[in-house]
Amino acid sequence: VDDVDGHGPENIYWAEGSAPAGQYTVEVVYYSDGGRGPSSYEVVVRYAGPGGQLIVEDYSGTLSSSGDADTITTFEIR
């Protein structure tokens, strides 16, 4: 799911317990700067880790211009 019609925030989620098992990579892409220059981001990743333990990770950074991207984290859901 990707919302490219607005300026955020974007929320991507599954109802509790319904995310498919697999490897997930979280990436932030500066789709278009519209001439505004650098843009900061904040990402919160919540998922069930081993044994169902809730894992919460917070990330932040800045992207300089259109097309820039940061790979935030990779995690696995079993």
C-alpha atoms as a PDB file:
ATOM      1  CA  VAL A   1       0.000   0.000   0.000  1.00  0.00           C
ATOM      2  CA  ASP A   2       1.440   3.387  -0.942  1.00  0.00           C
ATOM      3  CA  ASP A   3      -0.310   6.739  -0.753  1.00  0.00           C
ATOM      4  CA  VAL A   4       1.156   8.993  -3.437  1.00  0.00           C
ATOM      5  CA  ASP A   5      -1.773  11.444  -3.508  1.00  0.00           C
ATOM      6  CA  GLY A   6      -0.844  13.448  -0.425  1.00  0.00           C
ATOM      7  CA  HIS A   7       1.995  14.614   1.767  1.00  0.00           C
ATOM      8  CA  GLY A   8       1.687  11.955   4.465  1.00  0.00           C
ATOM      9  CA  PRO A   9       1.782  10.636   7.001  1.00  0.00           C
ATOM     10  CA  GLU A  10       1.554   7.178   5.496  1.00  0.00           C
ATOM     11  CA  ASN A  11       0.398   4.222   7.570  1.00  0.00           C
ATOM     12  CA  ILE A  12       0.894   0.675   6.388  1.00  0.00           C
ATOM     13  CA  TYR A  13      -0.523  -2.069   8.566  1.00  0.00           C
ATOM     14  CA  TRP A  14      -2.337  -5.375   8.813  1.00  0.00           C
ATOM     15  CA  ALA A  15      -4.961  -6.224  11.381  1.00  0.00           C
ATOM     16  CA  GLU A  16      -3.426  -7.989  14.383  1.00  0.00           C
ATOM     17  CA  GLY A  17      -2.167 -11.435  13.480  1.00  0.00           C
ATOM     18  CA  SER A  18      -2.854 -11.155   9.749  1.00  0.00           C
ATOM     19  CA  ALA A  19       0.496 -10.110   8.263  1.00  0.00           C
ATOM     20  CA  PRO A  20       1.768 -12.884   5.984  1.00  0.00           C
ATOM     21  CA  ALA A  21       4.872 -14.729   7.155  1.00  0.00           C
ATOM     22  CA  GLY A  22       8.025 -13.605   5.395  1.00  0.00           C
ATOM     23  CA  GLN A  23      10.945 -11.210   5.218  1.00  0.00           C
ATOM     24  CA  TYR A  24      10.041  -7.499   5.248  1.00  0.00           C
ATOM     25  CA  THR A  25      12.178  -4.519   4.267  1.00  0.00           C
ATOM     26  CA  VAL A  26      11.139  -1.004   5.278  1.00  0.00           C
ATOM     27  CA  GLU A  27      12.333   1.706   2.919  1.00  0.00           C
ATOM     28  CA  VAL A  28      11.665   5.458   2.704  1.00  0.00           C
ATOM     29  CA  VAL A  29      11.726   7.034  -0.763  1.00  0.00           C
ATOM     30  CA  TYR A  30      11.566  10.774  -1.415  1.00  0.00           C
ATOM     31  CA  TYR A  31       9.034  10.551  -4.214  1.00  0.00           C
ATOM     32  CA  SER A  32       9.102  14.221  -5.226  1.00  0.00           C
ATOM     33  CA  ASP A  33      10.516  17.248  -3.446  1.00  0.00           C
ATOM     34  CA  GLY A  34       8.404  19.720  -5.461  1.00  0.00           C
ATOM     35  CA  GLY A  35      11.285  22.189  -5.223  1.00  0.00           C
ATOM     36  CA  ARG A  36      11.188  22.154  -1.398  1.00  0.00           C
ATOM     37  CA  GLY A  37      14.594  20.563  -0.813  1.00  0.00           C
ATOM     38  CA  PRO A  38      15.486  18.203   2.053  1.00  0.00           C
ATOM     39  CA  SER A  39      12.733  16.455   4.013  1.00  0.00           C
ATOM     40  CA  SER A  40      12.905  14.724   7.393  1.00  0.00           C
ATOM     41  CA  TYR A  41      11.133  11.463   8.183  1.00  0.00           C
ATOM     42  CA  GLU A  42      10.185   9.437  11.242  1.00  0.00           C
ATOM     43  CA  VAL A  43       9.354   5.735  11.012  1.00  0.00           C
ATOM     44  CA  VAL A  44       7.951   3.497  13.752  1.00  0.00           C
ATOM     45  CA  VAL A  45       8.019  -0.234  13.046  1.00  0.00           C
ATOM     46  CA  ARG A  46       5.972  -2.564  15.286  1.00  0.00           C
ATOM     47  CA  TYR A  47       5.914  -6.311  14.813  1.00  0.00           C
ATOM     48  CA  ALA A  48       5.711  -9.586  16.709  1.00  0.00           C
ATOM     49  CA  GLY A  49       9.163 -11.038  17.168  1.00  0.00           C
ATOM     50  CA  PRO A  50      10.200 -14.455  18.455  1.00  0.00           C
ATOM     51  CA  GLY A  51       7.640 -15.910  20.831  1.00  0.00           C
ATOM     52  CA  GLY A  52       5.144 -13.202  19.880  1.00  0.00           C
ATOM     53  CA  GLN A  53       7.062 -10.505  21.791  1.00  0.00           C
ATOM     54  CA  LEU A  54       6.127  -7.005  20.585  1.00  0.00           C
ATOM     55  CA  ILE A  55       9.107  -5.250  19.046  1.00  0.00           C
ATOM     56  CA  VAL A  56       8.974  -1.476  18.510  1.00  0.00           C
ATOM     57  CA  GLU A  57      11.728   0.323  16.609  1.00  0.00           C
ATOM     58  CA  ASP A  58      11.955   4.067  15.949  1.00  0.00           C
ATOM     59  CA  TYR A  59      13.980   5.567  13.111  1.00  0.00           C
ATOM     60  CA  SER A  60      14.487   9.074  11.759  1.00  0.00           C
ATOM     61  CA  GLY A  61      16.551  10.734   9.087  1.00  0.00           C
ATOM     62  CA  THR A  62      16.585  13.221   6.242  1.00  0.00           C
ATOM     63  CA  LEU A  63      16.427  12.729   2.491  1.00  0.00           C
ATOM     64  CA  SER A  64      17.954  15.461   0.334  1.00  0.00           C
ATOM     65  CA  SER A  65      16.026  15.397  -2.946  1.00  0.00           C
ATOM     66  CA  SER A  66      13.633  13.533  -5.237  1.00  0.00           C
ATOM     67  CA  GLY A  67      14.614   9.916  -5.793  1.00  0.00           C
ATOM     68  CA  ASP A  68      16.720   9.599  -2.620  1.00  0.00           C
ATOM     69  CA  ALA A  69      15.997   6.500  -0.533  1.00  0.00           C
ATOM     70  CA  ASP A  70      16.974   4.989   2.826  1.00  0.00           C
ATOM     71  CA  THR A  71      16.576   1.341   3.736  1.00  0.00           C
ATOM     72  CA  ILE A  72      15.383   1.545   7.335  1.00  0.00           C
ATOM     73  CA  THR A  73      15.296  -2.047   8.573  1.00  0.00           C
ATOM     74  CA  THR A  74      14.616  -5.636   7.631  1.00  0.00           C
ATOM     75  CA  PHE A  75      12.712  -8.083   9.839  1.00  0.00           C
ATOM     76  CA  GLU A  76      11.027 -11.463   9.623  1.00  0.00           C
ATOM     77  CA  ILE A  77       7.553 -12.575  10.616  1.00  0.00           C
ATOM     78  CA  ARG A  78       7.164 -16.315  11.110  1.00  0.00           C
END
